[in-house]
Amino acid sequence: MLHQPLRRGPDSVRYRLSGSVPPLDETLIELGGRLAYRLVRDGAGPAAALVLVDPASLELLRIEAPALRLRDSLSVLSGSQTLAVIRRVLEPPFREEFRVDGPGDHVWHATGRIAACDYCVREGGETVARVKTASTGTDRVFDVVVQTTVDAALILIVVVAINKLAGPRAD
């Protein structure tokens, strides 16, 4: 099945992530040139949690590795409730794919050139987010176009979790 790329339009919004993803310290997430969220580290080392906060620094969502560390799995939490579990399905050189078991019956699949940050997140046959990266001088900038029908904060932190899982392994 051929999937049409998600383009910015009346049914989607574009977020821009400035800084490293996952962050070394802090990553700013902008919507229309204004601060929408910040992504900050909570702790040190590769096991540090990543926390999505609003502009007033209120914690919205958190990425944590499970207590029993599965090699390619991360959880997204809201308080103590698990909202999503992200797992690597296939590894290169065959194909890169991640499965996201989200809230309710939502199952998303991220496919494309994950390591290059050029991929889509789909539910069924519908693209719910499109991720692209570009370099601007010394910084990498991530553009994430998100359908307005999905929780943007959840999709943004899922994108960060996928990038963390797809990046170089620290273990």
N, C-alpha and C. Protein backbone atom coordinates (compact mmCIF):
# COMPACT_ATOMS: atom_id res chain seq x y z
N MET A 1 0.85 -1.18 0.00
CA MET A 1 0.00 0.00 0.00
C MET A 1 0.89 1.24 0.00
N LEU A 2 0.63 2.15 -0.90
CA LEU A 2 1.39 3.39 -1.00
C LEU A 2 0.77 4.40 -0.04
N HIS A 3 1.61 4.98 0.82
CA HIS A 3 1.13 5.97 1.78
C HIS A 3 1.49 7.36 1.30
N GLN A 4 0.55 8.26 1.34
CA GLN A 4 0.82 9.65 1.00
C GLN A 4 1.47 10.34 2.19
N PRO A 5 2.51 11.16 1.93
CA PRO A 5 3.15 11.85 3.04
C PRO A 5 2.20 12.87 3.66
N LEU A 6 2.34 13.04 4.97
CA LEU A 6 1.53 14.04 5.68
C LEU A 6 2.14 15.41 5.42
N ARG A 7 1.34 16.32 4.95
CA ARG A 7 1.82 17.68 4.70
C ARG A 7 1.07 18.62 5.64
N ARG A 8 1.75 19.72 5.95
CA ARG A 8 1.14 20.70 6.83
C ARG A 8 -0.09 21.27 6.14
N GLY A 9 -1.19 21.30 6.85
CA GLY A 9 -2.43 21.82 6.29
C GLY A 9 -3.39 22.13 7.42
N PRO A 10 -4.66 22.33 7.11
CA PRO A 10 -5.62 22.71 8.15
C PRO A 10 -5.85 21.60 9.17
N ASP A 11 -5.51 20.35 8.83
CA ASP A 11 -5.73 19.24 9.76
C ASP A 11 -4.44 18.76 10.42
N SER A 12 -3.37 19.56 10.33
CA SER A 12 -2.10 19.19 10.96
C SER A 12 -1.37 20.44 11.42
N VAL A 13 -0.43 20.25 12.36
CA VAL A 13 0.39 21.36 12.86
C VAL A 13 1.85 20.91 12.85
N ARG A 14 2.75 21.88 12.72
CA ARG A 14 4.18 21.59 12.65
C ARG A 14 4.88 22.06 13.93
N TYR A 15 5.57 21.13 14.56
CA TYR A 15 6.38 21.45 15.73
C TYR A 15 7.84 21.41 15.31
N ARG A 16 8.66 22.27 15.89
CA ARG A 16 10.09 22.29 15.60
C ARG A 16 10.85 22.02 16.89
N LEU A 17 11.69 20.98 16.87
CA LEU A 17 12.52 20.63 18.01
C LEU A 17 13.92 21.13 17.75
N SER A 18 14.44 22.00 18.63
CA SER A 18 15.76 22.58 18.48
C SER A 18 16.66 22.05 19.59
N GLY A 19 17.77 21.47 19.19
CA GLY A 19 18.71 20.89 20.15
C GLY A 19 18.83 19.41 19.90
N SER A 20 19.58 18.72 20.74
CA SER A 20 19.77 17.29 20.52
C SER A 20 18.54 16.52 20.98
N VAL A 21 18.24 15.45 20.27
CA VAL A 21 17.10 14.60 20.60
C VAL A 21 17.59 13.17 20.62
N PRO A 22 17.62 12.49 21.76
CA PRO A 22 17.23 12.97 23.09
C PRO A 22 18.20 14.05 23.59
N PRO A 23 17.76 14.88 24.52
CA PRO A 23 18.55 16.04 24.91
C PRO A 23 19.75 15.70 25.79
N LEU A 24 20.82 16.47 25.58
CA LEU A 24 21.95 16.41 26.50
C LEU A 24 21.59 17.16 27.77
N ASP A 25 20.84 18.22 27.62
CA ASP A 25 20.39 19.02 28.75
C ASP A 25 18.91 19.38 28.57
N GLU A 26 18.63 20.13 27.51
CA GLU A 26 17.27 20.60 27.28
C GLU A 26 17.05 20.77 25.78
N THR A 27 15.88 20.41 25.32
CA THR A 27 15.47 20.63 23.94
C THR A 27 14.19 21.46 23.97
N LEU A 28 14.17 22.49 23.13
CA LEU A 28 12.99 23.34 23.03
C LEU A 28 12.10 22.85 21.90
N ILE A 29 10.80 22.85 22.13
CA ILE A 29 9.84 22.43 21.12
C ILE A 29 8.93 23.63 20.86
N GLU A 30 8.98 24.11 19.63
CA GLU A 30 8.24 25.31 19.28
C GLU A 30 7.09 25.00 18.34
N LEU A 31 6.07 25.81 18.44
CA LEU A 31 4.92 25.76 17.56
C LEU A 31 4.70 27.18 17.06
N GLY A 32 4.90 27.40 15.78
CA GLY A 32 4.73 28.74 15.22
C GLY A 32 5.70 29.75 15.81
N GLY A 33 6.92 29.33 16.11
CA GLY A 33 7.93 30.24 16.66
C GLY A 33 7.79 30.52 18.15
N ARG A 34 6.79 29.93 18.81
CA ARG A 34 6.59 30.13 20.25
C ARG A 34 6.83 28.84 20.99
N LEU A 35 7.33 28.95 22.20
CA LEU A 35 7.62 27.77 23.01
C LEU A 35 6.33 27.02 23.32
N ALA A 36 6.30 25.73 22.94
CA ALA A 36 5.15 24.89 23.23
C ALA A 36 5.46 23.93 24.37
N TYR A 37 6.67 23.34 24.34
CA TYR A 37 7.12 22.37 25.35
C TYR A 37 8.63 22.48 25.48
N ARG A 38 9.13 21.89 26.56
CA ARG A 38 10.56 21.67 26.74
C ARG A 38 10.75 20.20 27.07
N LEU A 39 11.84 19.64 26.59
CA LEU A 39 12.21 18.27 26.91
C LEU A 39 13.48 18.34 27.74
N VAL A 40 13.44 17.82 28.97
CA VAL A 40 14.58 17.92 29.88
C VAL A 40 14.95 16.54 30.41
N ARG A 41 16.22 16.40 30.81
CA ARG A 41 16.70 15.16 31.41
C ARG A 41 16.45 15.21 32.91
N ASP A 42 16.05 14.08 33.47
CA ASP A 42 15.86 13.94 34.91
C ASP A 42 16.79 12.83 35.38
N GLY A 43 17.98 13.20 35.78
CA GLY A 43 18.98 12.22 36.19
C GLY A 43 20.19 12.30 35.27
N ALA A 44 21.11 11.36 35.47
CA ALA A 44 22.34 11.34 34.70
C ALA A 44 22.53 9.97 34.06
N GLY A 45 23.34 9.95 33.02
CA GLY A 45 23.67 8.69 32.37
C GLY A 45 22.61 8.24 31.40
N PRO A 46 22.84 7.08 30.75
CA PRO A 46 21.92 6.60 29.74
C PRO A 46 20.55 6.19 30.29
N ALA A 47 20.45 5.93 31.59
CA ALA A 47 19.18 5.53 32.19
C ALA A 47 18.34 6.71 32.66
N ALA A 48 18.84 7.95 32.44
CA ALA A 48 18.10 9.13 32.88
C ALA A 48 16.74 9.20 32.19
N ALA A 49 15.74 9.61 32.95
CA ALA A 49 14.40 9.79 32.38
C ALA A 49 14.40 11.06 31.54
N LEU A 50 13.57 11.09 30.52
CA LEU A 50 13.36 12.29 29.72
C LEU A 50 11.95 12.78 30.01
N VAL A 51 11.82 14.07 30.30
CA VAL A 51 10.55 14.61 30.77
C VAL A 51 10.09 15.72 29.83
N LEU A 52 8.84 15.64 29.38
CA LEU A 52 8.22 16.69 28.58
C LEU A 52 7.47 17.60 29.53
N VAL A 53 7.83 18.89 29.52
CA VAL A 53 7.18 19.87 30.39
C VAL A 53 6.57 20.98 29.54
N ASP A 54 5.55 21.63 30.09
CA ASP A 54 4.95 22.76 29.39
C ASP A 54 5.78 24.01 29.68
N PRO A 55 5.45 25.17 29.07
CA PRO A 55 6.25 26.37 29.29
C PRO A 55 6.35 26.80 30.75
N ALA A 56 5.39 26.40 31.59
CA ALA A 56 5.44 26.74 33.02
C ALA A 56 6.19 25.67 33.83
N SER A 57 6.86 24.74 33.14
CA SER A 57 7.65 23.66 33.75
C SER A 57 6.81 22.60 34.45
N LEU A 58 5.55 22.48 34.10
CA LEU A 58 4.70 21.43 34.64
C LEU A 58 4.95 20.15 33.87
N GLU A 59 5.26 19.05 34.58
CA GLU A 59 5.53 17.78 33.92
C GLU A 59 4.26 17.23 33.28
N LEU A 60 4.37 16.89 31.99
CA LEU A 60 3.25 16.33 31.26
C LEU A 60 3.43 14.83 31.05
N LEU A 61 4.57 14.45 30.49
CA LEU A 61 4.86 13.06 30.18
C LEU A 61 6.32 12.75 30.47
N ARG A 62 6.62 11.47 30.65
CA ARG A 62 7.98 11.04 31.00
C ARG A 62 8.30 9.76 30.25
N ILE A 63 9.54 9.65 29.76
CA ILE A 63 10.03 8.42 29.14
C ILE A 63 10.93 7.74 30.15
N GLU A 64 10.65 6.46 30.40
CA GLU A 64 11.50 5.68 31.29
C GLU A 64 11.71 4.29 30.70
N ALA A 65 12.90 3.77 30.96
CA ALA A 65 13.16 2.37 30.61
C ALA A 65 12.45 1.52 31.65
N PRO A 66 11.93 0.35 31.27
CA PRO A 66 11.27 -0.51 32.24
C PRO A 66 12.25 -0.97 33.32
N ALA A 67 11.72 -1.30 34.51
CA ALA A 67 12.57 -1.75 35.61
C ALA A 67 13.38 -2.98 35.19
N LEU A 68 12.74 -3.90 34.53
CA LEU A 68 13.43 -5.05 33.97
C LEU A 68 13.76 -4.65 32.54
N ARG A 69 14.99 -4.25 32.33
CA ARG A 69 15.40 -3.63 31.06
C ARG A 69 15.29 -4.59 29.89
N LEU A 70 14.32 -4.34 29.03
CA LEU A 70 14.25 -5.03 27.75
C LEU A 70 15.07 -4.19 26.78
N ARG A 71 15.87 -4.83 26.00
CA ARG A 71 16.86 -4.12 25.19
C ARG A 71 16.27 -3.01 24.32
N ASP A 72 15.14 -3.22 23.70
CA ASP A 72 14.60 -2.25 22.76
C ASP A 72 13.18 -1.84 23.12
N SER A 73 13.00 -1.35 24.33
CA SER A 73 11.68 -0.97 24.78
C SER A 73 11.77 0.22 25.72
N LEU A 74 10.87 1.18 25.56
CA LEU A 74 10.74 2.32 26.46
C LEU A 74 9.26 2.55 26.73
N SER A 75 8.96 3.12 27.91
CA SER A 75 7.59 3.42 28.27
C SER A 75 7.40 4.92 28.40
N VAL A 76 6.21 5.40 28.03
CA VAL A 76 5.82 6.80 28.24
C VAL A 76 4.82 6.80 29.37
N LEU A 77 5.12 7.59 30.41
CA LEU A 77 4.27 7.64 31.59
C LEU A 77 3.65 9.03 31.77
N SER A 78 2.45 9.02 32.32
CA SER A 78 1.81 10.23 32.81
C SER A 78 1.53 9.96 34.27
N GLY A 79 2.32 10.59 35.15
CA GLY A 79 2.26 10.21 36.56
C GLY A 79 2.74 8.78 36.68
N SER A 80 1.94 7.91 37.26
CA SER A 80 2.34 6.50 37.38
C SER A 80 1.65 5.63 36.32
N GLN A 81 0.85 6.23 35.45
CA GLN A 81 0.12 5.47 34.42
C GLN A 81 0.94 5.37 33.14
N THR A 82 1.07 4.16 32.61
CA THR A 82 1.76 3.94 31.33
C THR A 82 0.80 4.27 30.20
N LEU A 83 1.17 5.25 29.37
CA LEU A 83 0.34 5.64 28.23
C LEU A 83 0.74 4.93 26.95
N ALA A 84 2.02 4.63 26.81
CA ALA A 84 2.49 4.00 25.58
C ALA A 84 3.75 3.20 25.87
N VAL A 85 3.93 2.15 25.10
CA VAL A 85 5.16 1.35 25.14
C VAL A 85 5.69 1.30 23.71
N ILE A 86 6.96 1.69 23.55
CA ILE A 86 7.60 1.74 22.24
C ILE A 86 8.59 0.59 22.15
N ARG A 87 8.49 -0.21 21.06
CA ARG A 87 9.37 -1.37 20.87
C ARG A 87 9.93 -1.37 19.46
N ARG A 88 11.19 -1.78 19.35
CA ARG A 88 11.80 -1.99 18.04
C ARG A 88 11.24 -3.29 17.48
N VAL A 89 10.74 -3.26 16.24
CA VAL A 89 10.18 -4.44 15.61
C VAL A 89 11.20 -5.09 14.68
N LEU A 90 11.78 -4.32 13.81
CA LEU A 90 12.77 -4.83 12.86
C LEU A 90 14.01 -3.97 12.93
N GLU A 91 15.14 -4.57 12.66
CA GLU A 91 16.39 -3.84 12.70
C GLU A 91 17.02 -3.80 11.32
N PRO A 92 17.85 -2.75 11.07
CA PRO A 92 18.57 -2.70 9.82
C PRO A 92 19.48 -3.93 9.71
N PRO A 93 19.83 -4.42 8.58
CA PRO A 93 19.65 -3.79 7.27
C PRO A 93 18.33 -4.14 6.62
N PHE A 94 17.49 -4.93 7.28
CA PHE A 94 16.24 -5.36 6.67
C PHE A 94 15.27 -4.19 6.52
N ARG A 95 14.86 -3.62 7.61
CA ARG A 95 13.94 -2.49 7.62
C ARG A 95 13.88 -1.97 9.04
N GLU A 96 13.74 -0.67 9.17
CA GLU A 96 13.59 -0.09 10.50
C GLU A 96 12.11 0.13 10.76
N GLU A 97 11.64 -0.40 11.88
CA GLU A 97 10.26 -0.20 12.26
C GLU A 97 10.14 -0.26 13.77
N PHE A 98 9.29 0.62 14.30
CA PHE A 98 8.98 0.62 15.71
C PHE A 98 7.47 0.51 15.87
N ARG A 99 7.05 -0.22 16.89
CA ARG A 99 5.63 -0.36 17.20
C ARG A 99 5.37 0.40 18.49
N VAL A 100 4.29 1.16 18.49
CA VAL A 100 3.90 1.93 19.67
C VAL A 100 2.52 1.44 20.09
N ASP A 101 2.44 0.82 21.25
CA ASP A 101 1.15 0.45 21.83
C ASP A 101 0.72 1.62 22.68
N GLY A 102 -0.23 2.39 22.15
CA GLY A 102 -0.65 3.63 22.80
C GLY A 102 -1.88 3.44 23.66
N PRO A 103 -2.47 4.54 24.08
CA PRO A 103 -3.65 4.46 24.95
C PRO A 103 -4.84 3.83 24.21
N GLY A 104 -5.64 3.13 24.97
CA GLY A 104 -6.81 2.47 24.37
C GLY A 104 -6.36 1.40 23.39
N ASP A 105 -6.96 1.40 22.24
CA ASP A 105 -6.62 0.42 21.21
C ASP A 105 -5.67 0.98 20.16
N HIS A 106 -5.06 2.13 20.43
CA HIS A 106 -4.19 2.75 19.43
C HIS A 106 -2.89 1.97 19.29
N VAL A 107 -2.59 1.61 18.05
CA VAL A 107 -1.31 0.99 17.72
C VAL A 107 -0.73 1.78 16.56
N TRP A 108 0.44 2.36 16.79
CA TRP A 108 1.11 3.14 15.76
C TRP A 108 2.35 2.39 15.31
N HIS A 109 2.74 2.59 14.05
CA HIS A 109 3.97 2.01 13.50
C HIS A 109 4.79 3.15 12.91
N ALA A 110 6.04 3.22 13.30
CA ALA A 110 6.97 4.19 12.73
C ALA A 110 7.84 3.45 11.73
N THR A 111 7.80 3.90 10.48
CA THR A 111 8.59 3.27 9.42
C THR A 111 9.25 4.34 8.57
N GLY A 112 10.33 3.96 7.94
CA GLY A 112 11.07 4.88 7.09
C GLY A 112 12.53 4.81 7.46
N ARG A 113 13.23 5.90 7.23
CA ARG A 113 14.66 5.96 7.58
C ARG A 113 14.76 6.53 8.99
N ILE A 114 14.56 5.65 9.97
CA ILE A 114 14.48 6.08 11.37
C ILE A 114 15.79 6.73 11.82
N ALA A 115 16.91 6.08 11.58
CA ALA A 115 18.20 6.61 12.04
C ALA A 115 18.50 7.97 11.43
N ALA A 116 17.99 8.22 10.22
CA ALA A 116 18.19 9.51 9.56
C ALA A 116 17.10 10.51 9.96
N CYS A 117 16.18 10.10 10.82
CA CYS A 117 15.06 10.95 11.26
C CYS A 117 14.24 11.44 10.07
N ASP A 118 13.88 10.50 9.22
CA ASP A 118 13.02 10.78 8.08
C ASP A 118 12.03 9.63 8.00
N TYR A 119 10.93 9.78 8.73
CA TYR A 119 9.99 8.67 8.83
C TYR A 119 8.58 9.16 9.13
N CYS A 120 7.63 8.22 9.02
CA CYS A 120 6.22 8.49 9.31
C CYS A 120 5.76 7.63 10.47
N VAL A 121 4.82 8.13 11.22
CA VAL A 121 4.13 7.36 12.25
C VAL A 121 2.71 7.17 11.72
N ARG A 122 2.30 5.90 11.64
CA ARG A 122 1.00 5.59 11.05
C ARG A 122 0.14 4.78 12.00
N GLU A 123 -1.16 4.97 11.86
CA GLU A 123 -2.13 4.13 12.55
C GLU A 123 -3.04 3.58 11.46
N GLY A 124 -2.99 2.26 11.29
CA GLY A 124 -3.69 1.67 10.16
C GLY A 124 -3.06 2.20 8.89
N GLY A 125 -3.83 2.69 7.97
CA GLY A 125 -3.29 3.25 6.74
C GLY A 125 -3.12 4.76 6.77
N GLU A 126 -3.39 5.38 7.92
CA GLU A 126 -3.34 6.84 8.01
C GLU A 126 -2.05 7.32 8.68
N THR A 127 -1.41 8.30 8.06
CA THR A 127 -0.23 8.93 8.64
C THR A 127 -0.69 9.93 9.69
N VAL A 128 -0.21 9.75 10.94
CA VAL A 128 -0.58 10.68 12.02
C VAL A 128 0.54 11.65 12.35
N ALA A 129 1.77 11.35 11.90
CA ALA A 129 2.90 12.26 12.12
C ALA A 129 3.97 11.98 11.08
N ARG A 130 4.71 13.03 10.74
CA ARG A 130 5.83 12.93 9.80
C ARG A 130 7.01 13.61 10.45
N VAL A 131 8.16 12.93 10.47
CA VAL A 131 9.37 13.44 11.12
C VAL A 131 10.44 13.65 10.06
N LYS A 132 11.05 14.83 10.07
CA LYS A 132 12.16 15.13 9.18
C LYS A 132 13.19 15.92 9.97
N THR A 133 14.44 15.79 9.56
CA THR A 133 15.49 16.54 10.23
C THR A 133 16.29 17.33 9.22
N ALA A 134 16.87 18.42 9.68
CA ALA A 134 17.75 19.25 8.86
C ALA A 134 18.80 19.84 9.77
N SER A 135 19.94 20.10 9.22
CA SER A 135 21.00 20.75 9.99
C SER A 135 20.98 22.23 9.69
N THR A 136 21.10 23.03 10.74
CA THR A 136 21.20 24.48 10.57
C THR A 136 22.47 24.91 11.29
N GLY A 137 23.56 25.00 10.56
CA GLY A 137 24.84 25.31 11.19
C GLY A 137 25.30 24.12 12.00
N THR A 138 25.45 24.31 13.30
CA THR A 138 25.90 23.22 14.17
C THR A 138 24.75 22.48 14.82
N ASP A 139 23.52 22.96 14.66
CA ASP A 139 22.37 22.35 15.31
C ASP A 139 21.58 21.48 14.34
N ARG A 140 20.98 20.42 14.88
CA ARG A 140 20.01 19.63 14.14
C ARG A 140 18.64 20.13 14.56
N VAL A 141 17.78 20.33 13.58
CA VAL A 141 16.42 20.78 13.84
C VAL A 141 15.49 19.69 13.33
N PHE A 142 14.54 19.30 14.17
CA PHE A 142 13.56 18.28 13.81
C PHE A 142 12.22 18.96 13.57
N ASP A 143 11.64 18.69 12.41
CA ASP A 143 10.28 19.15 12.13
C ASP A 143 9.37 17.96 12.26
N VAL A 144 8.34 18.09 13.09
CA VAL A 144 7.37 17.02 13.29
C VAL A 144 5.99 17.59 12.96
N VAL A 145 5.39 17.09 11.89
CA VAL A 145 4.05 17.50 11.49
C VAL A 145 3.09 16.47 12.08
N VAL A 146 2.12 16.95 12.87
CA VAL A 146 1.23 16.06 13.62
C VAL A 146 -0.22 16.34 13.22
N GLN A 147 -0.98 15.28 12.97
CA GLN A 147 -2.41 15.41 12.72
C GLN A 147 -3.08 16.02 13.94
N THR A 148 -4.05 16.87 13.74
CA THR A 148 -4.75 17.49 14.87
C THR A 148 -5.67 16.51 15.58
N THR A 149 -5.88 15.32 15.01
CA THR A 149 -6.77 14.33 15.63
C THR A 149 -6.06 13.47 16.68
N VAL A 150 -4.74 13.65 16.85
CA VAL A 150 -4.00 12.87 17.84
C VAL A 150 -3.41 13.80 18.88
N ASP A 151 -3.04 13.23 20.03
CA ASP A 151 -2.44 13.99 21.13
C ASP A 151 -1.01 14.37 20.73
N ALA A 152 -0.80 15.66 20.44
CA ALA A 152 0.50 16.13 19.96
C ALA A 152 1.61 15.87 20.98
N ALA A 153 1.36 16.12 22.26
CA ALA A 153 2.39 15.90 23.28
C ALA A 153 2.81 14.44 23.30
N LEU A 154 1.86 13.53 23.20
CA LEU A 154 2.17 12.10 23.20
C LEU A 154 2.98 11.73 21.96
N ILE A 155 2.57 12.21 20.80
CA ILE A 155 3.32 11.91 19.56
C ILE A 155 4.74 12.47 19.66
N LEU A 156 4.90 13.69 20.17
CA LEU A 156 6.23 14.29 20.27
C LEU A 156 7.15 13.48 21.18
N ILE A 157 6.64 13.02 22.31
CA ILE A 157 7.50 12.26 23.21
C ILE A 157 7.74 10.84 22.65
N VAL A 158 6.80 10.31 21.89
CA VAL A 158 7.02 9.02 21.21
C VAL A 158 8.15 9.18 20.19
N VAL A 159 8.17 10.28 19.46
CA VAL A 159 9.25 10.54 18.49
C VAL A 159 10.60 10.59 19.21
N VAL A 160 10.64 11.24 20.36
CA VAL A 160 11.89 11.30 21.13
C VAL A 160 12.30 9.90 21.59
N ALA A 161 11.34 9.10 22.04
CA ALA A 161 11.65 7.73 22.48
C ALA A 161 12.17 6.89 21.31
N ILE A 162 11.58 7.03 20.14
CA ILE A 162 12.05 6.29 18.97
C ILE A 162 13.48 6.70 18.64
N ASN A 163 13.76 8.01 18.68
CA ASN A 163 15.12 8.48 18.40
C ASN A 163 16.11 7.96 19.43
N LYS A 164 15.68 7.86 20.68
CA LYS A 164 16.55 7.32 21.73
C LYS A 164 16.84 5.84 21.48
N LEU A 165 15.82 5.07 21.11
CA LEU A 165 16.02 3.66 20.84
C LEU A 165 16.83 3.43 19.56
N ALA A 166 16.68 4.30 18.57
CA ALA A 166 17.36 4.13 17.29
C ALA A 166 18.81 4.61 17.34
N GLY A 167 19.15 5.41 18.37
CA GLY A 167 20.49 5.97 18.46
C GLY A 167 21.52 4.94 18.90
N PRO A 168 22.77 5.37 19.03
CA PRO A 168 23.82 4.47 19.47
C PRO A 168 23.51 3.90 20.85
N ARG A 169 23.81 2.64 21.04
CA ARG A 169 23.53 1.98 22.31
C ARG A 169 24.62 2.31 23.33
N ALA A 170 24.18 2.58 24.55
CA ALA A 170 25.12 2.90 25.64
C ALA A 170 25.42 1.67 26.48
N ASP A 171 24.73 0.54 26.22
CA ASP A 171 24.93 -0.64 27.06
C ASP A 171 25.88 -1.64 26.48
